[in-house]
N, C-alpha and C. Protein backbone atom coordinates (compact mmCIF):
# COMPACT_ATOMS: atom_id res chain seq x y z
N MET A 1 -7.72 9.90 9.46
CA MET A 1 -9.17 10.11 9.31
C MET A 1 -9.42 11.57 9.57
N PRO A 2 -10.27 12.19 8.86
CA PRO A 2 -10.57 13.60 9.00
C PRO A 2 -11.36 13.92 10.25
N ASP A 3 -11.48 14.97 10.92
CA ASP A 3 -12.55 15.92 10.83
C ASP A 3 -12.89 15.71 9.39
N LEU A 4 -13.76 15.13 8.72
CA LEU A 4 -13.56 14.73 7.34
C LEU A 4 -13.02 15.93 6.55
N ALA A 5 -13.48 17.11 6.90
CA ALA A 5 -13.01 18.31 6.21
C ALA A 5 -11.53 18.55 6.47
N LEU A 6 -11.07 18.25 7.68
CA LEU A 6 -9.66 18.45 8.02
C LEU A 6 -8.78 17.59 7.14
N CYS A 7 -9.11 16.31 7.02
CA CYS A 7 -8.26 15.42 6.24
C CYS A 7 -8.26 15.82 4.77
N LEU A 8 -9.44 16.17 4.26
CA LEU A 8 -9.51 16.60 2.88
C LEU A 8 -8.66 17.84 2.66
N SER A 9 -8.73 18.79 3.59
CA SER A 9 -7.94 20.01 3.45
C SER A 9 -6.45 19.70 3.55
N LEU A 10 -6.08 18.74 4.39
CA LEU A 10 -4.67 18.34 4.49
C LEU A 10 -4.18 17.75 3.19
N VAL A 11 -4.97 16.82 2.65
CA VAL A 11 -4.57 16.17 1.41
C VAL A 11 -4.43 17.19 0.29
N LEU A 12 -5.42 18.07 0.17
CA LEU A 12 -5.37 19.09 -0.87
C LEU A 12 -4.20 20.04 -0.65
N ARG A 13 -3.94 20.37 0.62
CA ARG A 13 -2.84 21.28 0.93
C ARG A 13 -1.52 20.67 0.49
N TYR A 14 -1.35 19.37 0.73
CA TYR A 14 -0.10 18.72 0.37
C TYR A 14 0.04 18.56 -1.15
N LEU A 15 -1.05 18.16 -1.81
CA LEU A 15 -0.97 17.85 -3.24
C LEU A 15 -1.00 19.10 -4.11
N LEU A 16 -1.68 20.16 -3.64
CA LEU A 16 -1.82 21.36 -4.46
C LEU A 16 -0.79 22.43 -4.13
N ALA A 17 0.10 22.10 -3.19
CA ALA A 17 1.16 23.06 -2.87
C ALA A 17 2.09 23.20 -4.07
N THR A 18 2.84 24.28 -4.10
CA THR A 18 3.80 24.52 -5.18
C THR A 18 5.20 24.60 -4.61
N PRO A 19 6.03 23.56 -4.80
CA PRO A 19 5.71 22.27 -5.45
C PRO A 19 4.89 21.39 -4.51
N PRO A 20 4.26 20.33 -5.02
CA PRO A 20 3.46 19.44 -4.17
C PRO A 20 4.29 18.88 -3.01
N ASP A 21 3.68 18.84 -1.83
CA ASP A 21 4.36 18.33 -0.65
C ASP A 21 4.12 16.82 -0.57
N ILE A 22 4.93 16.08 -1.29
CA ILE A 22 4.76 14.62 -1.35
C ILE A 22 5.00 14.00 0.02
N ALA A 23 5.97 14.53 0.75
CA ALA A 23 6.27 13.99 2.09
C ALA A 23 5.06 14.13 3.00
N GLY A 24 4.39 15.28 2.93
CA GLY A 24 3.20 15.48 3.75
C GLY A 24 2.08 14.54 3.37
N PHE A 25 1.90 14.33 2.07
CA PHE A 25 0.86 13.41 1.61
C PHE A 25 1.16 11.99 2.08
N ILE A 26 2.42 11.58 2.00
CA ILE A 26 2.82 10.25 2.46
C ILE A 26 2.55 10.11 3.95
N MET A 27 2.79 11.19 4.71
CA MET A 27 2.55 11.15 6.14
C MET A 27 1.07 10.89 6.44
N VAL A 28 0.18 11.56 5.72
CA VAL A 28 -1.26 11.33 5.89
C VAL A 28 -1.61 9.89 5.55
N ALA A 29 -1.04 9.39 4.45
CA ALA A 29 -1.33 8.02 4.02
C ALA A 29 -0.86 7.00 5.05
N VAL A 30 0.32 7.24 5.63
CA VAL A 30 0.84 6.31 6.64
C VAL A 30 -0.05 6.29 7.87
N VAL A 31 -0.48 7.47 8.33
CA VAL A 31 -1.37 7.54 9.49
C VAL A 31 -2.66 6.80 9.22
N PHE A 32 -3.21 6.99 8.00
CA PHE A 32 -4.44 6.29 7.63
C PHE A 32 -4.26 4.78 7.65
N LEU A 33 -3.16 4.31 7.06
CA LEU A 33 -2.92 2.87 6.98
C LEU A 33 -2.82 2.26 8.37
N ILE A 34 -2.09 2.92 9.25
CA ILE A 34 -1.94 2.40 10.61
C ILE A 34 -3.28 2.39 11.34
N ALA A 35 -3.98 3.52 11.28
CA ALA A 35 -5.24 3.65 12.00
C ALA A 35 -6.28 2.66 11.47
N LEU A 36 -6.36 2.55 10.15
CA LEU A 36 -7.36 1.68 9.54
C LEU A 36 -7.06 0.21 9.81
N SER A 37 -5.79 -0.17 9.67
CA SER A 37 -5.41 -1.57 9.86
C SER A 37 -5.63 -2.03 11.30
N LEU A 38 -5.24 -1.20 12.26
CA LEU A 38 -5.40 -1.58 13.66
C LEU A 38 -6.87 -1.53 14.08
N HIS A 39 -7.65 -0.65 13.47
CA HIS A 39 -9.09 -0.61 13.71
C HIS A 39 -9.73 -1.94 13.33
N GLU A 40 -9.42 -2.42 12.13
CA GLU A 40 -10.00 -3.68 11.66
C GLU A 40 -9.44 -4.87 12.45
N PHE A 41 -8.16 -4.81 12.80
CA PHE A 41 -7.57 -5.86 13.63
C PHE A 41 -8.29 -5.94 14.97
N GLY A 42 -8.68 -4.79 15.51
CA GLY A 42 -9.42 -4.77 16.78
C GLY A 42 -10.71 -5.56 16.68
N HIS A 43 -11.45 -5.38 15.58
CA HIS A 43 -12.68 -6.15 15.38
C HIS A 43 -12.38 -7.65 15.34
N ALA A 44 -11.35 -8.01 14.55
CA ALA A 44 -11.00 -9.42 14.39
C ALA A 44 -10.58 -10.04 15.71
N ALA A 45 -9.78 -9.31 16.48
CA ALA A 45 -9.31 -9.82 17.77
C ALA A 45 -10.46 -10.00 18.74
N ALA A 46 -11.39 -9.05 18.77
CA ALA A 46 -12.53 -9.14 19.69
C ALA A 46 -13.40 -10.35 19.37
N ALA A 47 -13.62 -10.61 18.08
CA ALA A 47 -14.42 -11.78 17.68
C ALA A 47 -13.69 -13.07 18.05
N THR A 48 -12.39 -13.10 17.81
CA THR A 48 -11.61 -14.30 18.10
C THR A 48 -11.58 -14.61 19.59
N VAL A 49 -11.39 -13.59 20.40
CA VAL A 49 -11.36 -13.76 21.86
C VAL A 49 -12.69 -14.31 22.36
N GLN A 50 -13.78 -13.95 21.67
CA GLN A 50 -15.11 -14.41 22.09
C GLN A 50 -15.49 -15.77 21.50
N GLY A 51 -14.53 -16.43 20.86
CA GLY A 51 -14.77 -17.79 20.40
C GLY A 51 -15.17 -17.95 18.95
N ASP A 52 -15.23 -16.86 18.20
CA ASP A 52 -15.61 -16.97 16.78
C ASP A 52 -14.35 -16.93 15.92
N PRO A 53 -14.02 -18.02 15.21
CA PRO A 53 -12.79 -18.07 14.41
C PRO A 53 -12.95 -17.51 13.00
N THR A 54 -14.12 -16.96 12.67
CA THR A 54 -14.40 -16.54 11.29
C THR A 54 -13.35 -15.55 10.77
N ALA A 55 -13.08 -14.50 11.54
CA ALA A 55 -12.12 -13.48 11.10
C ALA A 55 -10.72 -14.06 10.99
N LYS A 56 -10.36 -14.88 11.96
CA LYS A 56 -9.03 -15.52 11.93
C LYS A 56 -8.88 -16.41 10.72
N ASN A 57 -9.90 -17.20 10.42
CA ASN A 57 -9.85 -18.10 9.27
C ASN A 57 -9.81 -17.34 7.95
N ALA A 58 -10.34 -16.11 7.96
CA ALA A 58 -10.34 -15.28 6.75
C ALA A 58 -9.05 -14.48 6.61
N GLY A 59 -8.11 -14.68 7.51
CA GLY A 59 -6.83 -13.99 7.44
C GLY A 59 -6.87 -12.55 7.92
N ARG A 60 -7.86 -12.22 8.75
CA ARG A 60 -8.01 -10.84 9.20
C ARG A 60 -7.44 -10.58 10.59
N LEU A 61 -6.96 -11.61 11.26
CA LEU A 61 -6.37 -11.43 12.58
C LEU A 61 -4.89 -11.06 12.40
N THR A 62 -4.66 -9.91 11.81
CA THR A 62 -3.32 -9.43 11.49
C THR A 62 -3.33 -7.91 11.42
N VAL A 63 -2.15 -7.33 11.62
CA VAL A 63 -2.03 -5.87 11.47
C VAL A 63 -1.50 -5.51 10.09
N ASN A 64 -1.32 -6.49 9.23
CA ASN A 64 -0.85 -6.24 7.87
C ASN A 64 -1.92 -5.48 7.09
N PRO A 65 -1.62 -4.26 6.63
CA PRO A 65 -2.63 -3.46 5.92
C PRO A 65 -3.22 -4.17 4.71
N LYS A 66 -2.44 -5.04 4.06
CA LYS A 66 -2.94 -5.73 2.86
C LYS A 66 -4.21 -6.52 3.14
N ALA A 67 -4.32 -7.05 4.34
CA ALA A 67 -5.48 -7.88 4.68
C ALA A 67 -6.73 -7.05 4.87
N HIS A 68 -6.59 -5.76 5.10
CA HIS A 68 -7.73 -4.93 5.50
C HIS A 68 -8.12 -3.87 4.47
N LEU A 69 -7.28 -3.66 3.46
CA LEU A 69 -7.55 -2.59 2.51
C LEU A 69 -8.62 -3.00 1.50
N ASP A 70 -9.53 -2.09 1.26
CA ASP A 70 -10.54 -2.25 0.21
C ASP A 70 -10.09 -1.42 -0.99
N ALA A 71 -10.15 -1.98 -2.18
CA ALA A 71 -9.61 -1.30 -3.36
C ALA A 71 -10.26 0.07 -3.57
N VAL A 72 -11.59 0.11 -3.54
CA VAL A 72 -12.28 1.38 -3.76
C VAL A 72 -12.04 2.32 -2.58
N GLY A 73 -12.09 1.79 -1.37
CA GLY A 73 -11.87 2.62 -0.20
C GLY A 73 -10.49 3.23 -0.17
N THR A 74 -9.48 2.46 -0.60
CA THR A 74 -8.12 2.97 -0.66
C THR A 74 -7.98 4.05 -1.72
N LEU A 75 -8.61 3.82 -2.88
CA LEU A 75 -8.59 4.83 -3.94
C LEU A 75 -9.23 6.13 -3.47
N MET A 76 -10.31 6.03 -2.69
CA MET A 76 -10.96 7.22 -2.17
C MET A 76 -10.05 7.98 -1.20
N ILE A 77 -9.27 7.24 -0.40
CA ILE A 77 -8.33 7.90 0.49
C ILE A 77 -7.33 8.71 -0.31
N VAL A 78 -6.82 8.12 -1.39
CA VAL A 78 -5.83 8.81 -2.21
C VAL A 78 -6.43 10.02 -2.91
N MET A 79 -7.67 9.88 -3.39
CA MET A 79 -8.28 10.94 -4.20
C MET A 79 -8.88 12.06 -3.37
N VAL A 80 -9.59 11.71 -2.29
CA VAL A 80 -10.30 12.75 -1.54
C VAL A 80 -9.98 12.78 -0.06
N GLY A 81 -9.14 11.85 0.41
CA GLY A 81 -8.76 11.89 1.82
C GLY A 81 -9.72 11.21 2.76
N PHE A 82 -10.69 10.48 2.22
CA PHE A 82 -11.61 9.74 3.07
C PHE A 82 -11.90 8.40 2.42
N GLY A 83 -11.75 7.33 3.19
CA GLY A 83 -11.99 6.01 2.63
C GLY A 83 -12.36 5.01 3.70
N TRP A 84 -12.23 3.73 3.39
CA TRP A 84 -12.67 2.70 4.32
C TRP A 84 -11.89 1.42 4.05
N GLY A 85 -11.95 0.51 5.02
CA GLY A 85 -11.34 -0.79 4.85
C GLY A 85 -12.41 -1.85 4.62
N LYS A 86 -11.97 -3.08 4.40
CA LYS A 86 -12.91 -4.19 4.23
C LYS A 86 -13.53 -4.55 5.57
N PRO A 87 -14.84 -4.71 5.63
CA PRO A 87 -15.47 -5.12 6.89
C PRO A 87 -14.93 -6.47 7.35
N VAL A 88 -14.75 -6.62 8.65
CA VAL A 88 -14.26 -7.88 9.21
C VAL A 88 -15.45 -8.84 9.36
N PRO A 89 -15.35 -10.03 8.75
CA PRO A 89 -16.47 -10.99 8.88
C PRO A 89 -16.46 -11.65 10.25
N PHE A 90 -17.63 -11.84 10.81
CA PHE A 90 -17.75 -12.63 12.03
C PHE A 90 -19.16 -13.21 12.10
N ALA A 91 -19.32 -14.26 12.90
CA ALA A 91 -20.61 -14.96 13.02
C ALA A 91 -21.17 -14.71 14.42
N PRO A 92 -22.17 -13.84 14.55
CA PRO A 92 -22.72 -13.54 15.87
C PRO A 92 -23.16 -14.78 16.64
N ASN A 93 -23.67 -15.79 15.93
CA ASN A 93 -24.15 -17.00 16.62
C ASN A 93 -23.02 -17.84 17.22
N LYS A 94 -21.76 -17.53 16.86
CA LYS A 94 -20.62 -18.26 17.41
C LYS A 94 -19.97 -17.54 18.59
N LEU A 95 -20.43 -16.34 18.87
CA LEU A 95 -19.87 -15.59 19.99
C LEU A 95 -20.39 -16.15 21.31
N ARG A 96 -19.56 -16.16 22.32
CA ARG A 96 -19.96 -16.73 23.61
C ARG A 96 -21.14 -15.98 24.21
N ASN A 97 -21.08 -14.65 24.12
CA ASN A 97 -22.16 -13.83 24.67
C ASN A 97 -23.09 -13.42 23.53
N GLN A 98 -24.23 -14.08 23.44
CA GLN A 98 -25.17 -13.83 22.35
C GLN A 98 -25.83 -12.46 22.43
N ARG A 99 -25.94 -11.93 23.64
CA ARG A 99 -26.64 -10.65 23.81
C ARG A 99 -25.75 -9.46 23.49
N PHE A 100 -24.53 -9.48 24.04
CA PHE A 100 -23.66 -8.31 23.91
C PHE A 100 -22.38 -8.59 23.13
N GLY A 101 -22.22 -9.81 22.64
CA GLY A 101 -21.00 -10.15 21.91
C GLY A 101 -20.78 -9.30 20.68
N SER A 102 -21.84 -9.09 19.91
CA SER A 102 -21.73 -8.29 18.68
C SER A 102 -21.34 -6.85 19.01
N ALA A 103 -21.89 -6.33 20.10
CA ALA A 103 -21.53 -4.98 20.52
C ALA A 103 -20.06 -4.90 20.89
N GLY A 104 -19.54 -5.96 21.53
CA GLY A 104 -18.13 -5.99 21.88
C GLY A 104 -17.24 -5.97 20.65
N VAL A 105 -17.62 -6.72 19.62
CA VAL A 105 -16.86 -6.72 18.37
C VAL A 105 -16.92 -5.34 17.73
N ALA A 106 -18.09 -4.74 17.74
CA ALA A 106 -18.26 -3.44 17.10
C ALA A 106 -17.44 -2.36 17.78
N ILE A 107 -17.45 -2.34 19.10
CA ILE A 107 -16.79 -1.25 19.82
C ILE A 107 -15.27 -1.42 19.85
N ALA A 108 -14.78 -2.63 19.54
CA ALA A 108 -13.34 -2.88 19.60
C ALA A 108 -12.56 -2.02 18.62
N GLY A 109 -13.10 -1.81 17.42
CA GLY A 109 -12.40 -0.99 16.42
C GLY A 109 -12.18 0.43 16.88
N PRO A 110 -13.27 1.16 17.24
CA PRO A 110 -13.09 2.51 17.76
C PRO A 110 -12.24 2.55 19.02
N ALA A 111 -12.34 1.53 19.87
CA ALA A 111 -11.53 1.50 21.09
C ALA A 111 -10.05 1.48 20.77
N VAL A 112 -9.67 0.73 19.74
CA VAL A 112 -8.27 0.70 19.31
C VAL A 112 -7.82 2.08 18.85
N ASN A 113 -8.69 2.77 18.11
CA ASN A 113 -8.33 4.11 17.64
C ASN A 113 -8.15 5.08 18.80
N PHE A 114 -9.01 5.00 19.80
CA PHE A 114 -8.84 5.88 20.97
C PHE A 114 -7.56 5.53 21.72
N ALA A 115 -7.22 4.24 21.78
CA ALA A 115 -5.97 3.84 22.42
C ALA A 115 -4.76 4.40 21.67
N LEU A 116 -4.81 4.33 20.33
CA LEU A 116 -3.74 4.90 19.52
C LEU A 116 -3.65 6.41 19.72
N ALA A 117 -4.80 7.07 19.84
CA ALA A 117 -4.81 8.51 20.08
C ALA A 117 -4.12 8.85 21.39
N ILE A 118 -4.39 8.07 22.43
CA ILE A 118 -3.78 8.32 23.75
C ILE A 118 -2.27 8.10 23.68
N ILE A 119 -1.83 7.04 23.01
CA ILE A 119 -0.40 6.75 22.90
C ILE A 119 0.33 7.86 22.16
N THR A 120 -0.22 8.28 21.01
CA THR A 120 0.45 9.32 20.24
C THR A 120 0.39 10.67 20.97
N ALA A 121 -0.68 10.91 21.72
CA ALA A 121 -0.76 12.14 22.51
C ALA A 121 0.34 12.18 23.58
N ALA A 122 0.59 11.02 24.19
CA ALA A 122 1.64 10.94 25.22
C ALA A 122 3.01 11.26 24.62
N PHE A 123 3.29 10.71 23.45
CA PHE A 123 4.55 11.02 22.78
C PHE A 123 4.61 12.49 22.38
N PHE A 124 3.51 13.02 21.88
CA PHE A 124 3.45 14.42 21.46
C PHE A 124 3.78 15.36 22.61
N VAL A 125 3.17 15.11 23.76
CA VAL A 125 3.38 15.98 24.93
C VAL A 125 4.82 15.89 25.41
N ARG A 126 5.35 14.69 25.45
CA ARG A 126 6.71 14.51 26.00
C ARG A 126 7.79 14.98 25.03
N MET A 127 7.49 15.05 23.75
CA MET A 127 8.49 15.45 22.76
C MET A 127 8.28 16.88 22.27
N LEU A 128 7.36 17.60 22.89
CA LEU A 128 6.95 18.91 22.39
C LEU A 128 8.12 19.87 22.27
N ASP A 129 9.07 19.82 23.20
CA ASP A 129 10.18 20.77 23.20
C ASP A 129 11.45 20.24 22.56
N THR A 130 11.43 18.98 22.12
CA THR A 130 12.67 18.39 21.61
C THR A 130 12.57 17.86 20.19
N ALA A 131 11.38 17.46 19.75
CA ALA A 131 11.23 16.83 18.44
C ALA A 131 11.17 17.87 17.33
N SER A 132 11.40 17.42 16.12
CA SER A 132 11.30 18.29 14.95
C SER A 132 9.84 18.63 14.67
N ASP A 133 9.64 19.69 13.90
CA ASP A 133 8.27 20.08 13.54
C ASP A 133 7.56 18.97 12.78
N LEU A 134 8.30 18.26 11.91
CA LEU A 134 7.68 17.19 11.13
C LEU A 134 7.22 16.05 12.03
N THR A 135 8.04 15.71 13.02
CA THR A 135 7.66 14.64 13.96
C THR A 135 6.43 15.04 14.75
N LEU A 136 6.40 16.27 15.23
CA LEU A 136 5.25 16.74 16.00
C LEU A 136 3.99 16.79 15.13
N GLU A 137 4.15 17.19 13.88
CA GLU A 137 3.00 17.22 12.98
C GLU A 137 2.45 15.82 12.76
N PHE A 138 3.36 14.85 12.60
CA PHE A 138 2.94 13.45 12.41
C PHE A 138 2.19 12.95 13.64
N LEU A 139 2.72 13.22 14.84
CA LEU A 139 2.09 12.75 16.06
C LEU A 139 0.73 13.40 16.27
N PHE A 140 0.63 14.70 16.04
CA PHE A 140 -0.66 15.37 16.25
C PHE A 140 -1.67 14.92 15.21
N LEU A 141 -1.21 14.71 13.98
CA LEU A 141 -2.11 14.21 12.94
C LEU A 141 -2.64 12.84 13.32
N SER A 142 -1.76 11.97 13.84
CA SER A 142 -2.17 10.64 14.27
C SER A 142 -3.18 10.74 15.41
N LEU A 143 -2.91 11.61 16.36
CA LEU A 143 -3.85 11.82 17.47
C LEU A 143 -5.22 12.23 16.94
N ARG A 144 -5.26 13.24 16.13
CA ARG A 144 -6.54 13.80 15.69
C ARG A 144 -7.30 12.85 14.76
N LEU A 145 -6.59 12.23 13.83
CA LEU A 145 -7.28 11.36 12.89
C LEU A 145 -7.80 10.10 13.58
N ASN A 146 -7.08 9.59 14.56
CA ASN A 146 -7.58 8.43 15.30
C ASN A 146 -8.80 8.81 16.13
N VAL A 147 -8.82 10.00 16.71
CA VAL A 147 -10.00 10.45 17.45
C VAL A 147 -11.19 10.55 16.50
N VAL A 148 -10.98 11.13 15.34
CA VAL A 148 -12.09 11.27 14.39
C VAL A 148 -12.58 9.91 13.92
N LEU A 149 -11.65 8.99 13.65
CA LEU A 149 -12.06 7.65 13.22
C LEU A 149 -12.87 6.97 14.31
N GLY A 150 -12.44 7.13 15.58
CA GLY A 150 -13.18 6.53 16.68
C GLY A 150 -14.57 7.12 16.84
N VAL A 151 -14.64 8.45 16.83
CA VAL A 151 -15.93 9.13 17.00
C VAL A 151 -16.85 8.84 15.83
N PHE A 152 -16.31 8.93 14.62
CA PHE A 152 -17.12 8.74 13.42
C PHE A 152 -17.75 7.35 13.38
N ASN A 153 -16.95 6.33 13.73
CA ASN A 153 -17.47 4.97 13.65
C ASN A 153 -18.47 4.64 14.75
N LEU A 154 -18.57 5.47 15.76
CA LEU A 154 -19.58 5.25 16.80
C LEU A 154 -20.94 5.83 16.42
N MET A 155 -21.01 6.52 15.28
CA MET A 155 -22.30 7.04 14.83
C MET A 155 -23.24 5.88 14.49
N PRO A 156 -24.51 5.95 14.90
CA PRO A 156 -25.43 4.81 14.72
C PRO A 156 -26.04 4.74 13.32
N ILE A 157 -25.16 4.73 12.31
CA ILE A 157 -25.61 4.68 10.92
C ILE A 157 -24.95 3.49 10.24
N PRO A 158 -25.70 2.55 9.68
CA PRO A 158 -25.09 1.43 8.95
C PRO A 158 -24.26 1.95 7.78
N PRO A 159 -23.10 1.39 7.50
CA PRO A 159 -22.53 0.20 8.13
C PRO A 159 -21.54 0.51 9.25
N LEU A 160 -21.62 1.69 9.83
CA LEU A 160 -20.68 2.07 10.89
C LEU A 160 -20.89 1.21 12.14
N ASP A 161 -19.85 1.14 12.97
CA ASP A 161 -19.89 0.28 14.15
C ASP A 161 -21.01 0.66 15.11
N GLY A 162 -21.32 1.93 15.19
CA GLY A 162 -22.36 2.38 16.11
C GLY A 162 -23.72 1.81 15.80
N SER A 163 -23.96 1.43 14.55
CA SER A 163 -25.26 0.86 14.19
C SER A 163 -25.46 -0.49 14.86
N ARG A 164 -24.37 -1.24 15.05
CA ARG A 164 -24.49 -2.54 15.73
C ARG A 164 -24.76 -2.34 17.22
N LEU A 165 -24.17 -1.31 17.79
CA LEU A 165 -24.47 -0.99 19.18
C LEU A 165 -25.93 -0.61 19.34
N LEU A 166 -26.43 0.16 18.37
CA LEU A 166 -27.83 0.59 18.41
C LEU A 166 -28.76 -0.62 18.36
N SER A 167 -28.45 -1.59 17.51
CA SER A 167 -29.32 -2.76 17.37
C SER A 167 -29.34 -3.60 18.63
N VAL A 168 -28.26 -3.57 19.41
CA VAL A 168 -28.19 -4.34 20.65
C VAL A 168 -29.01 -3.69 21.76
N PHE A 169 -28.93 -2.37 21.84
CA PHE A 169 -29.51 -1.69 23.00
C PHE A 169 -30.91 -1.13 22.77
N LEU A 170 -31.37 -1.08 21.53
CA LEU A 170 -32.74 -0.64 21.29
C LEU A 170 -33.72 -1.70 21.78
N PRO A 171 -34.81 -1.30 22.43
CA PRO A 171 -35.83 -2.28 22.83
C PRO A 171 -36.53 -2.86 21.61
N PRO A 172 -37.13 -4.05 21.74
CA PRO A 172 -37.79 -4.69 20.60
C PRO A 172 -38.82 -3.80 19.91
N SER A 173 -39.50 -2.95 20.68
CA SER A 173 -40.53 -2.09 20.09
C SER A 173 -39.96 -1.03 19.16
N LYS A 174 -38.64 -0.82 19.21
CA LYS A 174 -38.00 0.21 18.39
C LYS A 174 -37.15 -0.37 17.27
N GLN A 175 -37.24 -1.68 17.06
CA GLN A 175 -36.38 -2.32 16.06
C GLN A 175 -36.69 -1.86 14.64
N HIS A 176 -37.87 -1.26 14.43
CA HIS A 176 -38.18 -0.75 13.09
C HIS A 176 -37.20 0.34 12.69
N ILE A 177 -36.60 1.01 13.66
CA ILE A 177 -35.57 2.02 13.36
C ILE A 177 -34.38 1.37 12.68
N ILE A 178 -34.00 0.17 13.16
CA ILE A 178 -32.89 -0.56 12.55
C ILE A 178 -33.19 -0.94 11.12
N TYR A 179 -34.43 -1.39 10.87
CA TYR A 179 -34.80 -1.78 9.51
C TYR A 179 -34.73 -0.57 8.57
N PHE A 180 -35.18 0.58 9.07
CA PHE A 180 -35.13 1.80 8.25
C PHE A 180 -33.68 2.18 7.95
N LEU A 181 -32.81 2.12 8.98
CA LEU A 181 -31.41 2.49 8.78
C LEU A 181 -30.69 1.50 7.88
N ASP A 182 -31.03 0.21 8.00
CA ASP A 182 -30.41 -0.79 7.12
C ASP A 182 -30.76 -0.52 5.66
N ARG A 183 -31.98 -0.05 5.43
CA ARG A 183 -32.43 0.18 4.06
C ARG A 183 -31.83 1.44 3.46
N TRP A 184 -31.78 2.51 4.28
CA TRP A 184 -31.35 3.81 3.78
C TRP A 184 -30.00 4.26 4.34
N GLY A 185 -29.32 3.35 5.03
CA GLY A 185 -28.10 3.73 5.74
C GLY A 185 -27.03 4.34 4.86
N PHE A 186 -26.80 3.77 3.67
CA PHE A 186 -25.72 4.27 2.82
C PHE A 186 -26.01 5.69 2.36
N VAL A 187 -27.26 5.96 2.00
CA VAL A 187 -27.63 7.31 1.57
C VAL A 187 -27.48 8.29 2.73
N ILE A 188 -27.98 7.89 3.91
CA ILE A 188 -27.87 8.74 5.09
C ILE A 188 -26.40 8.99 5.41
N LEU A 189 -25.58 7.96 5.27
CA LEU A 189 -24.15 8.10 5.58
C LEU A 189 -23.48 9.10 4.65
N LEU A 190 -23.79 9.04 3.36
CA LEU A 190 -23.20 9.98 2.41
C LEU A 190 -23.57 11.41 2.75
N VAL A 191 -24.86 11.63 3.05
CA VAL A 191 -25.30 12.98 3.43
C VAL A 191 -24.60 13.42 4.71
N PHE A 192 -24.53 12.50 5.65
CA PHE A 192 -23.90 12.80 6.94
C PHE A 192 -22.43 13.15 6.77
N VAL A 193 -21.72 12.35 5.97
CA VAL A 193 -20.27 12.55 5.80
C VAL A 193 -19.96 13.89 5.15
N PHE A 194 -20.65 14.18 4.06
CA PHE A 194 -20.26 15.33 3.26
C PHE A 194 -20.98 16.63 3.62
N LEU A 195 -22.11 16.55 4.33
CA LEU A 195 -22.85 17.77 4.64
C LEU A 195 -22.91 18.09 6.13
N LEU A 196 -22.94 17.08 6.98
CA LEU A 196 -23.19 17.33 8.40
C LEU A 196 -21.96 17.12 9.28
N PHE A 197 -21.29 15.99 9.11
CA PHE A 197 -20.21 15.63 10.02
C PHE A 197 -19.10 16.68 10.10
N PRO A 198 -18.63 17.24 8.97
CA PRO A 198 -17.53 18.20 9.07
C PRO A 198 -17.87 19.43 9.91
N PHE A 199 -19.16 19.78 9.99
CA PHE A 199 -19.55 21.00 10.71
C PHE A 199 -19.92 20.72 12.16
N PHE A 200 -20.74 19.71 12.39
CA PHE A 200 -21.25 19.46 13.73
C PHE A 200 -20.30 18.64 14.61
N ALA A 201 -19.39 17.92 13.98
CA ALA A 201 -18.50 17.06 14.77
C ALA A 201 -17.28 17.80 15.30
N ALA A 202 -16.92 18.93 14.68
CA ALA A 202 -15.70 19.63 15.07
C ALA A 202 -15.62 19.93 16.57
N PRO A 203 -16.68 20.46 17.21
CA PRO A 203 -16.59 20.71 18.66
C PRO A 203 -16.36 19.44 19.47
N ILE A 204 -16.97 18.32 19.04
CA ILE A 204 -16.77 17.05 19.75
C ILE A 204 -15.33 16.59 19.59
N ILE A 205 -14.82 16.63 18.35
CA ILE A 205 -13.45 16.21 18.08
C ILE A 205 -12.47 17.04 18.89
N ASN A 206 -12.64 18.35 18.85
CA ASN A 206 -11.73 19.24 19.57
C ASN A 206 -11.76 18.97 21.07
N THR A 207 -12.93 18.72 21.60
CA THR A 207 -13.06 18.44 23.03
C THR A 207 -12.36 17.14 23.41
N VAL A 208 -12.55 16.10 22.60
CA VAL A 208 -11.91 14.81 22.89
C VAL A 208 -10.40 14.92 22.77
N VAL A 209 -9.91 15.61 21.72
CA VAL A 209 -8.46 15.78 21.55
C VAL A 209 -7.88 16.53 22.74
N ARG A 210 -8.53 17.60 23.15
CA ARG A 210 -8.03 18.38 24.29
C ARG A 210 -8.06 17.55 25.57
N PHE A 211 -9.12 16.76 25.76
CA PHE A 211 -9.23 15.92 26.94
C PHE A 211 -8.08 14.90 26.99
N ILE A 212 -7.78 14.28 25.86
CA ILE A 212 -6.71 13.29 25.81
C ILE A 212 -5.36 13.94 26.09
N LEU A 213 -5.12 15.10 25.49
CA LEU A 213 -3.85 15.79 25.72
C LEU A 213 -3.68 16.15 27.19
N ASN A 214 -4.74 16.64 27.81
CA ASN A 214 -4.67 16.97 29.23
C ASN A 214 -4.52 15.71 30.09
N MET A 215 -5.13 14.62 29.67
CA MET A 215 -5.06 13.38 30.41
C MET A 215 -3.63 12.83 30.48
N VAL A 216 -2.85 13.05 29.41
CA VAL A 216 -1.48 12.52 29.38
C VAL A 216 -0.45 13.54 29.87
N GLY A 217 -0.94 14.62 30.44
CA GLY A 217 -0.01 15.56 31.07
C GLY A 217 0.20 16.86 30.36
N GLY A 218 -0.53 17.11 29.28
CA GLY A 218 -0.39 18.38 28.60
C GLY A 218 -1.26 19.44 29.24
N THR A 219 -1.08 20.67 28.87
CA THR A 219 -1.93 21.78 29.33
C THR A 219 -2.41 22.53 28.10
N PHE A 220 -3.59 22.15 27.62
CA PHE A 220 -4.11 22.73 26.38
C PHE A 220 -5.53 23.24 26.60
């Protein structure tokens, strides 16, 4: 997942190199597949743990990328370096906690990405002086893209996970904000992705990446 601009620049760098760096492009694709699949699995697992079998019955309680890939979203990843997976279905009325259950399902996806970021950061720090440049590049790419995927999905814009958190915690008097975002969310998201996120999110991404690296024993 990019800094959206970062991922796009990586993809273009690999594909437009002379000769094209196919290995680098494959590395980006692999990181995306892992991050995206485990993100969606996190949603499915959270719903299942809370008593809703909808995702499990739909075959989404798996880490197999095939179950989570969206045809258009996958094509977008290949073409521009940014895409999406199929939303995980769940039934809020079947969750044990009616008030905060949906928020738990929503936050599970980004939480998995942050966990993956911490794991890859730990390997990166410990292998810094011994691993090959390609291995270190793969680990750092995984760290950064998982951080961006986690941060990006916490934005309160439908259909991102943060919008479900917003609907849970907004007081009833402010629910008209949800209706507005539901109606115009896709347009707002496109503007946000291509015009705002690459510029305003970079300081947040860099801070989170540095915090994680320092947390696992690095000095950055």
